[in-house]
């Protein structure tokens, strides 16, 4: 099996949440993060888009979403794109 490149959108709970703390927690849990970018949503809310490469294994994406959703200050994390690499 190969690897899968994922693009994940992470929505903070509110505009007041410190995104730097969320970014630090993501990098701590997922050292193989390729890129993190900010995506303005509206009304001061800014989502984070994460590029992450993981092994192509069954159930891997659900585990990643669960870990991201467990980070303090994260309202929702969802995989928006995936492709084999």
PDB file of N, CA and C in Angstrom:
ATOM      1  N   UNK A   1       0.835  -1.183   0.000  1.00  0.00           N
ATOM      2  CA  UNK A   1       0.000   0.000   0.000  1.00  0.00           C
ATOM      3  C   UNK A   1       0.877   1.242   0.000  1.00  0.00           C
ATOM      4  N   UNK A   2       0.338   2.310  -0.550  1.00  0.00           N
ATOM      5  CA  UNK A   2       1.077   3.555  -0.619  1.00  0.00           C
ATOM      6  C   UNK A   2       0.667   4.521   0.472  1.00  0.00           C
ATOM      7  N   UNK A   3       0.801   5.783   0.145  1.00  0.00           N
ATOM      8  CA  UNK A   3       0.425   6.845   1.072  1.00  0.00           C
ATOM      9  C   UNK A   3      -0.751   7.628   0.500  1.00  0.00           C
ATOM     10  N   UNK A   4      -1.429   8.327   1.382  1.00  0.00           N
ATOM     11  CA  UNK A   4      -2.566   9.160   1.001  1.00  0.00           C
ATOM     12  C   UNK A   4      -2.286  10.587   1.449  1.00  0.00           C
ATOM     13  N   UNK A   5      -2.486  11.541   0.538  1.00  0.00           N
ATOM     14  CA  UNK A   5      -2.383  12.957   0.888  1.00  0.00           C
ATOM     15  C   UNK A   5      -3.781  13.448   1.223  1.00  0.00           C
ATOM     16  N   UNK A   6      -3.915  14.068   2.387  1.00  0.00           N
ATOM     17  CA  UNK A   6      -5.206  14.566   2.851  1.00  0.00           C
ATOM     18  C   UNK A   6      -5.169  16.080   2.983  1.00  0.00           C
ATOM     19  N   UNK A   7      -6.254  16.721   2.617  1.00  0.00           N
ATOM     20  CA  UNK A   7      -6.473  18.133   2.925  1.00  0.00           C
ATOM     21  C   UNK A   7      -7.618  18.150   3.932  1.00  0.00           C
ATOM     22  N   UNK A   8      -7.349  18.741   5.092  1.00  0.00           N
ATOM     23  CA  UNK A   8      -8.309  18.730   6.191  1.00  0.00           C
ATOM     24  C   UNK A   8      -8.630  20.165   6.586  1.00  0.00           C
ATOM     25  N   UNK A   9      -9.918  20.472   6.705  1.00  0.00           N
ATOM     26  CA  UNK A   9     -10.339  21.793   7.175  1.00  0.00           C
ATOM     27  C   UNK A   9     -10.655  21.689   8.662  1.00  0.00           C
ATOM     28  N   UNK A  10     -10.000  22.544   9.437  1.00  0.00           N
ATOM     29  CA  UNK A  10     -10.209  22.581  10.882  1.00  0.00           C
ATOM     30  C   UNK A  10     -10.869  23.911  11.222  1.00  0.00           C
ATOM     31  N   UNK A  11     -12.075  23.830  11.787  1.00  0.00           N
ATOM     32  CA  UNK A  11     -12.818  25.029  12.170  1.00  0.00           C
ATOM     33  C   UNK A  11     -12.662  25.271  13.667  1.00  0.00           C
ATOM     34  N   UNK A  12     -12.179  26.456  14.053  1.00  0.00           N
ATOM     35  CA  UNK A  12     -12.121  26.776  15.482  1.00  0.00           C
ATOM     36  C   UNK A  12     -13.525  27.048  16.024  1.00  0.00           C
ATOM     37  N   UNK A  13     -13.650  26.984  17.355  1.00  0.00           N
ATOM     38  CA  UNK A  13     -14.951  27.199  17.994  1.00  0.00           C
ATOM     39  C   UNK A  13     -15.470  28.617  17.804  1.00  0.00           C
ATOM     40  N   UNK A  14     -14.571  29.597  17.763  1.00  0.00           N
ATOM     41  CA  UNK A  14     -14.989  30.991  17.604  1.00  0.00           C
ATOM     42  C   UNK A  14     -13.812  31.809  17.079  1.00  0.00           C
ATOM     43  N   UNK A  15     -14.077  33.042  16.625  1.00  0.00           N
ATOM     44  CA  UNK A  15     -12.979  33.901  16.159  1.00  0.00           C
ATOM     45  C   UNK A  15     -11.983  34.250  17.266  1.00  0.00           C
ATOM     46  N   UNK A  16     -12.413  34.157  18.526  1.00  0.00           N
ATOM     47  CA  UNK A  16     -11.544  34.529  19.641  1.00  0.00           C
ATOM     48  C   UNK A  16     -10.529  33.442  19.998  1.00  0.00           C
ATOM     49  N   UNK A  17     -10.711  32.237  19.490  1.00  0.00           N
ATOM     50  CA  UNK A  17      -9.798  31.128  19.798  1.00  0.00           C
ATOM     51  C   UNK A  17      -8.420  31.436  19.215  1.00  0.00           C
ATOM     52  N   UNK A  18      -7.380  31.169  19.997  1.00  0.00           N
ATOM     53  CA  UNK A  18      -6.007  31.378  19.544  1.00  0.00           C
ATOM     54  C   UNK A  18      -5.630  30.253  18.569  1.00  0.00           C
ATOM     55  N   UNK A  19      -5.546  30.602  17.286  1.00  0.00           N
ATOM     56  CA  UNK A  19      -5.226  29.604  16.263  1.00  0.00           C
ATOM     57  C   UNK A  19      -3.813  29.057  16.415  1.00  0.00           C
ATOM     58  N   UNK A  20      -2.903  29.857  16.963  1.00  0.00           N
ATOM     59  CA  UNK A  20      -1.524  29.387  17.149  1.00  0.00           C
ATOM     60  C   UNK A  20      -1.474  28.193  18.098  1.00  0.00           C
ATOM     61  N   UNK A  21      -2.328  28.180  19.113  1.00  0.00           N
ATOM     62  CA  UNK A  21      -2.387  27.036  20.027  1.00  0.00           C
ATOM     63  C   UNK A  21      -2.891  25.788  19.304  1.00  0.00           C
ATOM     64  N   UNK A  22      -3.856  25.973  18.427  1.00  0.00           N
ATOM     65  CA  UNK A  22      -4.376  24.843  17.648  1.00  0.00           C
ATOM     66  C   UNK A  22      -3.294  24.321  16.709  1.00  0.00           C
ATOM     67  N   UNK A  23      -2.593  25.223  16.029  1.00  0.00           N
ATOM     68  CA  UNK A  23      -1.515  24.825  15.118  1.00  0.00           C
ATOM     69  C   UNK A  23      -0.436  24.053  15.873  1.00  0.00           C
ATOM     70  N   UNK A  24      -0.055  24.538  17.046  1.00  0.00           N
ATOM     71  CA  UNK A  24       0.970  23.858  17.845  1.00  0.00           C
ATOM     72  C   UNK A  24       0.517  22.452  18.235  1.00  0.00           C
ATOM     73  N   UNK A  25      -0.749  22.303  18.619  1.00  0.00           N
ATOM     74  CA  UNK A  25      -1.273  20.988  18.996  1.00  0.00           C
ATOM     75  C   UNK A  25      -1.312  20.045  17.792  1.00  0.00           C
ATOM     76  N   UNK A  26      -1.661  20.575  16.629  1.00  0.00           N
ATOM     77  CA  UNK A  26      -1.693  19.757  15.413  1.00  0.00           C
ATOM     78  C   UNK A  26      -0.288  19.264  15.075  1.00  0.00           C
ATOM     79  N   UNK A  27       0.688  20.168  15.108  1.00  0.00           N
ATOM     80  CA  UNK A  27       2.067  19.782  14.783  1.00  0.00           C
ATOM     81  C   UNK A  27       2.629  18.788  15.795  1.00  0.00           C
ATOM     82  N   UNK A  28       2.186  18.889  17.037  1.00  0.00           N
ATOM     83  CA  UNK A  28       2.641  17.954  18.066  1.00  0.00           C
ATOM     84  C   UNK A  28       2.086  16.549  17.814  1.00  0.00           C
ATOM     85  N   UNK A  29       0.819  16.467  17.443  1.00  0.00           N
ATOM     86  CA  UNK A  29       0.181  15.164  17.221  1.00  0.00           C
ATOM     87  C   UNK A  29       0.512  14.560  15.862  1.00  0.00           C
ATOM     88  N   UNK A  30       0.766  15.430  14.878  1.00  0.00           N
ATOM     89  CA  UNK A  30       1.027  14.972  13.510  1.00  0.00           C
ATOM     90  C   UNK A  30       2.315  15.607  12.993  1.00  0.00           C
ATOM     91  N   UNK A  31       3.477  15.036  13.334  1.00  0.00           N
ATOM     92  CA  UNK A  31       4.750  15.635  12.927  1.00  0.00           C
ATOM     93  C   UNK A  31       4.959  15.664  11.409  1.00  0.00           C
ATOM     94  N   UNK A  32       4.191  14.873  10.660  1.00  0.00           N
ATOM     95  CA  UNK A  32       4.367  14.827   9.203  1.00  0.00           C
ATOM     96  C   UNK A  32       3.443  15.792   8.461  1.00  0.00           C
ATOM     97  N   UNK A  33       2.965  16.816   9.141  1.00  0.00           N
ATOM     98  CA  UNK A  33       2.141  17.833   8.485  1.00  0.00           C
ATOM     99  C   UNK A  33       2.993  18.523   7.424  1.00  0.00           C
ATOM    100  N   UNK A  34       2.473  18.590   6.205  1.00  0.00           N
ATOM    101  CA  UNK A  34       3.204  19.199   5.098  1.00  0.00           C
ATOM    102  C   UNK A  34       3.003  20.713   5.036  1.00  0.00           C
ATOM    103  N   UNK A  35       1.784  21.166   5.362  1.00  0.00           N
ATOM    104  CA  UNK A  35       1.473  22.593   5.226  1.00  0.00           C
ATOM    105  C   UNK A  35       0.240  22.915   6.065  1.00  0.00           C
ATOM    106  N   UNK A  36       0.211  24.127   6.600  1.00  0.00           N
ATOM    107  CA  UNK A  36      -0.975  24.636   7.293  1.00  0.00           C
ATOM    108  C   UNK A  36      -1.209  26.055   6.792  1.00  0.00           C
ATOM    109  N   UNK A  37      -2.412  26.298   6.289  1.00  0.00           N
ATOM    110  CA  UNK A  37      -2.768  27.631   5.780  1.00  0.00           C
ATOM    111  C   UNK A  37      -4.057  28.102   6.430  1.00  0.00           C
ATOM    112  N   UNK A  38      -4.202  29.411   6.476  1.00  0.00           N
ATOM    113  CA  UNK A  38      -5.428  30.001   7.011  1.00  0.00           C
ATOM    114  C   UNK A  38      -6.383  30.299   5.867  1.00  0.00           C
ATOM    115  N   UNK A  39      -7.665  30.048   6.107  1.00  0.00           N
ATOM    116  CA  UNK A  39      -8.705  30.290   5.111  1.00  0.00           C
ATOM    117  C   UNK A  39      -9.812  31.121   5.751  1.00  0.00           C
ATOM    118  N   UNK A  40      -9.909  32.421   5.410  1.00  0.00           N
ATOM    119  CA  UNK A  40     -10.972  33.251   5.986  1.00  0.00           C
ATOM    120  C   UNK A  40     -12.352  32.716   5.590  1.00  0.00           C
ATOM    121  N   UNK A  41     -13.239  32.625   6.586  1.00  0.00           N
ATOM    122  CA  UNK A  41     -14.591  32.123   6.361  1.00  0.00           C
ATOM    123  C   UNK A  41     -15.588  33.282   6.334  1.00  0.00           C
ATOM    124  N   UNK A  42     -15.509  34.159   7.312  1.00  0.00           N
ATOM    125  CA  UNK A  42     -16.412  35.296   7.412  1.00  0.00           C
ATOM    126  C   UNK A  42     -16.661  35.648   8.863  1.00  0.00           C
ATOM    127  N   UNK A  43     -17.018  36.891   9.098  1.00  0.00           N
ATOM    128  CA  UNK A  43     -17.315  37.384  10.449  1.00  0.00           C
ATOM    129  C   UNK A  43     -16.142  37.166  11.405  1.00  0.00           C
ATOM    130  N   UNK A  44     -14.917  37.245  10.874  1.00  0.00           N
ATOM    131  CA  UNK A  44     -13.726  37.097  11.699  1.00  0.00           C
ATOM    132  C   UNK A  44     -13.289  35.665  11.926  1.00  0.00           C
ATOM    133  N   UNK A  45     -14.072  34.704  11.462  1.00  0.00           N
ATOM    134  CA  UNK A  45     -13.721  33.296  11.647  1.00  0.00           C
ATOM    135  C   UNK A  45     -12.737  32.866  10.560  1.00  0.00           C
ATOM    136  N   UNK A  46     -11.666  32.202  10.981  1.00  0.00           N
ATOM    137  CA  UNK A  46     -10.632  31.741  10.059  1.00  0.00           C
ATOM    138  C   UNK A  46     -10.408  30.245  10.289  1.00  0.00           C
ATOM    139  N   UNK A  47     -10.606  29.459   9.233  1.00  0.00           N
ATOM    140  CA  UNK A  47     -10.368  28.013   9.313  1.00  0.00           C
ATOM    141  C   UNK A  47      -8.906  27.736   8.999  1.00  0.00           C
ATOM    142  N   UNK A  48      -8.444  26.567   9.400  1.00  0.00           N
ATOM    143  CA  UNK A  48      -7.104  26.108   9.056  1.00  0.00           C
ATOM    144  C   UNK A  48      -7.240  24.982   8.046  1.00  0.00           C
ATOM    145  N   UNK A  49      -6.447  25.034   6.976  1.00  0.00           N
ATOM    146  CA  UNK A  49      -6.408  23.935   6.009  1.00  0.00           C
ATOM    147  C   UNK A  49      -5.064  23.254   6.166  1.00  0.00           C
ATOM    148  N   UNK A  50      -5.111  21.957   6.436  1.00  0.00           N
ATOM    149  CA  UNK A  50      -3.918  21.181   6.737  1.00  0.00           C
ATOM    150  C   UNK A  50      -3.666  20.192   5.607  1.00  0.00           C
ATOM    151  N   UNK A  51      -2.417  20.102   5.156  1.00  0.00           N
ATOM    152  CA  UNK A  51      -1.997  19.067   4.211  1.00  0.00           C
ATOM    153  C   UNK A  51      -1.197  18.041   4.998  1.00  0.00           C
ATOM    154  N   UNK A  52      -1.621  16.790   4.926  1.00  0.00           N
ATOM    155  CA  UNK A  52      -1.019  15.725   5.720  1.00  0.00           C
ATOM    156  C   UNK A  52      -0.906  14.464   4.868  1.00  0.00           C
ATOM    157  N   UNK A  53       0.253  13.809   4.924  1.00  0.00           N
ATOM    158  CA  UNK A  53       0.455  12.547   4.211  1.00  0.00           C
ATOM    159  C   UNK A  53       0.494  11.428   5.244  1.00  0.00           C
ATOM    160  N   UNK A  54      -0.354  10.416   5.033  1.00  0.00           N
ATOM    161  CA  UNK A  54      -0.457   9.291   5.973  1.00  0.00           C
ATOM    162  C   UNK A  54      -0.443   7.978   5.185  1.00  0.00           C
ATOM    163  N   UNK A  55      -0.116   6.868   5.853  1.00  0.00           N
ATOM    164  CA  UNK A  55      -0.187   5.564   5.181  1.00  0.00           C
ATOM    165  C   UNK A  55      -1.630   5.242   4.778  1.00  0.00           C
ATOM    166  N   UNK A  56      -1.767   4.567   3.652  1.00  0.00           N
ATOM    167  CA  UNK A  56      -3.086   4.165   3.161  1.00  0.00           C
ATOM    168  C   UNK A  56      -3.525   2.915   3.913  1.00  0.00           C
ATOM    169  N   UNK A  57      -4.220   3.110   5.018  1.00  0.00           N
ATOM    170  CA  UNK A  57      -4.686   1.990   5.838  1.00  0.00           C
ATOM    171  C   UNK A  57      -6.157   2.206   6.174  1.00  0.00           C
ATOM    172  N   UNK A  58      -6.882   1.122   6.275  1.00  0.00           N
ATOM    173  CA  UNK A  58      -8.308   1.202   6.579  1.00  0.00           C
ATOM    174  C   UNK A  58      -8.538   1.837   7.948  1.00  0.00           C
ATOM    175  N   UNK A  59      -9.448   2.797   8.011  1.00  0.00           N
ATOM    176  CA  UNK A  59      -9.795   3.448   9.266  1.00  0.00           C
ATOM    177  C   UNK A  59      -8.876   4.585   9.671  1.00  0.00           C
ATOM    178  N   UNK A  60      -7.829   4.830   8.898  1.00  0.00           N
ATOM    179  CA  UNK A  60      -6.844   5.860   9.244  1.00  0.00           C
ATOM    180  C   UNK A  60      -7.470   7.257   9.273  1.00  0.00           C
ATOM    181  N   UNK A  61      -8.327   7.560   8.306  1.00  0.00           N
ATOM    182  CA  UNK A  61      -8.894   8.908   8.233  1.00  0.00           C
ATOM    183  C   UNK A  61      -9.815   9.203   9.412  1.00  0.00           C
ATOM    184  N   UNK A  62     -10.569   8.202   9.860  1.00  0.00           N
ATOM    185  CA  UNK A  62     -11.458   8.410  11.004  1.00  0.00           C
ATOM    186  C   UNK A  62     -10.660   8.710  12.265  1.00  0.00           C
ATOM    187  N   UNK A  63      -9.544   8.011  12.441  1.00  0.00           N
ATOM    188  CA  UNK A  63      -8.685   8.238  13.608  1.00  0.00           C
ATOM    189  C   UNK A  63      -8.125   9.656  13.584  1.00  0.00           C
ATOM    190  N   UNK A  64      -7.704  10.115  12.414  1.00  0.00           N
ATOM    191  CA  UNK A  64      -7.151  11.467  12.283  1.00  0.00           C
ATOM    192  C   UNK A  64      -8.217  12.503  12.621  1.00  0.00           C
ATOM    193  N   UNK A  65      -9.421  12.351  12.072  1.00  0.00           N
ATOM    194  CA  UNK A  65     -10.500  13.293  12.376  1.00  0.00           C
ATOM    195  C   UNK A  65     -10.816  13.309  13.868  1.00  0.00           C
ATOM    196  N   UNK A  66     -10.843  12.140  14.504  1.00  0.00           N
ATOM    197  CA  UNK A  66     -11.126  12.071  15.939  1.00  0.00           C
ATOM    198  C   UNK A  66     -10.060  12.809  16.749  1.00  0.00           C
ATOM    199  N   UNK A  67      -8.797  12.620  16.390  1.00  0.00           N
ATOM    200  CA  UNK A  67      -7.708  13.296  17.109  1.00  0.00           C
ATOM    201  C   UNK A  67      -7.797  14.810  16.944  1.00  0.00           C
ATOM    202  N   UNK A  68      -8.092  15.256  15.726  1.00  0.00           N
ATOM    203  CA  UNK A  68      -8.203  16.696  15.484  1.00  0.00           C
ATOM    204  C   UNK A  68      -9.405  17.285  16.217  1.00  0.00           C
ATOM    205  N   UNK A  69     -10.527  16.585  16.212  1.00  0.00           N
ATOM    206  CA  UNK A  69     -11.721  17.077  16.899  1.00  0.00           C
ATOM    207  C   UNK A  69     -11.540  17.120  18.411  1.00  0.00           C
ATOM    208  N   UNK A  70     -10.591  16.357  18.936  1.00  0.00           N
ATOM    209  CA  UNK A  70     -10.336  16.335  20.381  1.00  0.00           C
ATOM    210  C   UNK A  70      -9.442  17.487  20.846  1.00  0.00           C
ATOM    211  N   UNK A  71      -8.845  18.224  19.909  1.00  0.00           N
ATOM    212  CA  UNK A  71      -7.974  19.346  20.275  1.00  0.00           C
ATOM    213  C   UNK A  71      -8.820  20.473  20.850  1.00  0.00           C
ATOM    214  N   UNK A  72      -8.349  21.050  21.945  1.00  0.00           N
ATOM    215  CA  UNK A  72      -9.067  22.150  22.592  1.00  0.00           C
ATOM    216  C   UNK A  72      -9.177  23.341  21.643  1.00  0.00           C
ATOM    217  N   UNK A  73     -10.394  23.864  21.506  1.00  0.00           N
ATOM    218  CA  UNK A  73     -10.636  25.018  20.650  1.00  0.00           C
ATOM    219  C   UNK A  73     -11.111  24.655  19.254  1.00  0.00           C
ATOM    220  N   UNK A  74     -11.110  23.360  18.916  1.00  0.00           N
ATOM    221  CA  UNK A  74     -11.559  22.915  17.593  1.00  0.00           C
ATOM    222  C   UNK A  74     -13.035  22.540  17.667  1.00  0.00           C
ATOM    223  N   UNK A  75     -13.830  23.183  16.815  1.00  0.00           N
ATOM    224  CA  UNK A  75     -15.255  22.838  16.743  1.00  0.00           C
ATOM    225  C   UNK A  75     -15.468  21.618  15.859  1.00  0.00           C
ATOM    226  N   UNK A  76     -14.782  21.616  14.696  1.00  0.00           N
ATOM    227  CA  UNK A  76     -14.992  20.531  13.739  1.00  0.00           C
ATOM    228  C   UNK A  76     -13.766  20.400  12.836  1.00  0.00           C
ATOM    229  N   UNK A  77     -13.400  19.172  12.555  1.00  0.00           N
ATOM    230  CA  UNK A  77     -12.345  18.882  11.583  1.00  0.00           C
ATOM    231  C   UNK A  77     -12.908  17.887  10.583  1.00  0.00           C
ATOM    232  N   UNK A  78     -12.718  18.176   9.298  1.00  0.00           N
ATOM    233  CA  UNK A  78     -13.238  17.273   8.274  1.00  0.00           C
ATOM    234  C   UNK A  78     -12.266  17.191   7.102  1.00  0.00           C
ATOM    235  N   UNK A  79     -12.156  16.013   6.553  1.00  0.00           N
ATOM    236  CA  UNK A  79     -11.307  15.806   5.385  1.00  0.00           C
ATOM    237  C   UNK A  79     -12.082  16.295   4.170  1.00  0.00           C
ATOM    238  N   UNK A  80     -11.480  17.226   3.426  1.00  0.00           N
ATOM    239  CA  UNK A  80     -12.164  17.794   2.266  1.00  0.00           C
ATOM    240  C   UNK A  80     -11.605  17.258   0.950  1.00  0.00           C
ATOM    241  N   UNK A  81     -10.381  16.716   0.974  1.00  0.00           N
ATOM    242  CA  UNK A  81      -9.786  16.116  -0.218  1.00  0.00           C
ATOM    243  C   UNK A  81      -8.867  14.984   0.199  1.00  0.00           C
ATOM    244  N   UNK A  82      -8.764  13.972  -0.655  1.00  0.00           N
ATOM    245  CA  UNK A  82      -7.787  12.907  -0.436  1.00  0.00           C
ATOM    246  C   UNK A  82      -7.367  12.341  -1.784  1.00  0.00           C
ATOM    247  N   UNK A  83      -6.100  11.955  -1.877  1.00  0.00           N
ATOM    248  CA  UNK A  83      -5.578  11.377  -3.108  1.00  0.00           C
ATOM    249  C   UNK A  83      -4.397  10.476  -2.788  1.00  0.00           C
ATOM    250  N   UNK A  84      -4.215   9.451  -3.588  1.00  0.00           N
ATOM    251  CA  UNK A  84      -3.064   8.571  -3.416  1.00  0.00           C
ATOM    252  C   UNK A  84      -1.805   9.272  -3.911  1.00  0.00           C
ATOM    253  N   UNK A  85      -0.706   9.038  -3.217  1.00  0.00           N
ATOM    254  CA  UNK A  85       0.586   9.593  -3.654  1.00  0.00           C
ATOM    255  C   UNK A  85       1.583   8.476  -3.830  1.00  0.00           C
TER     256      UNK A  85
END
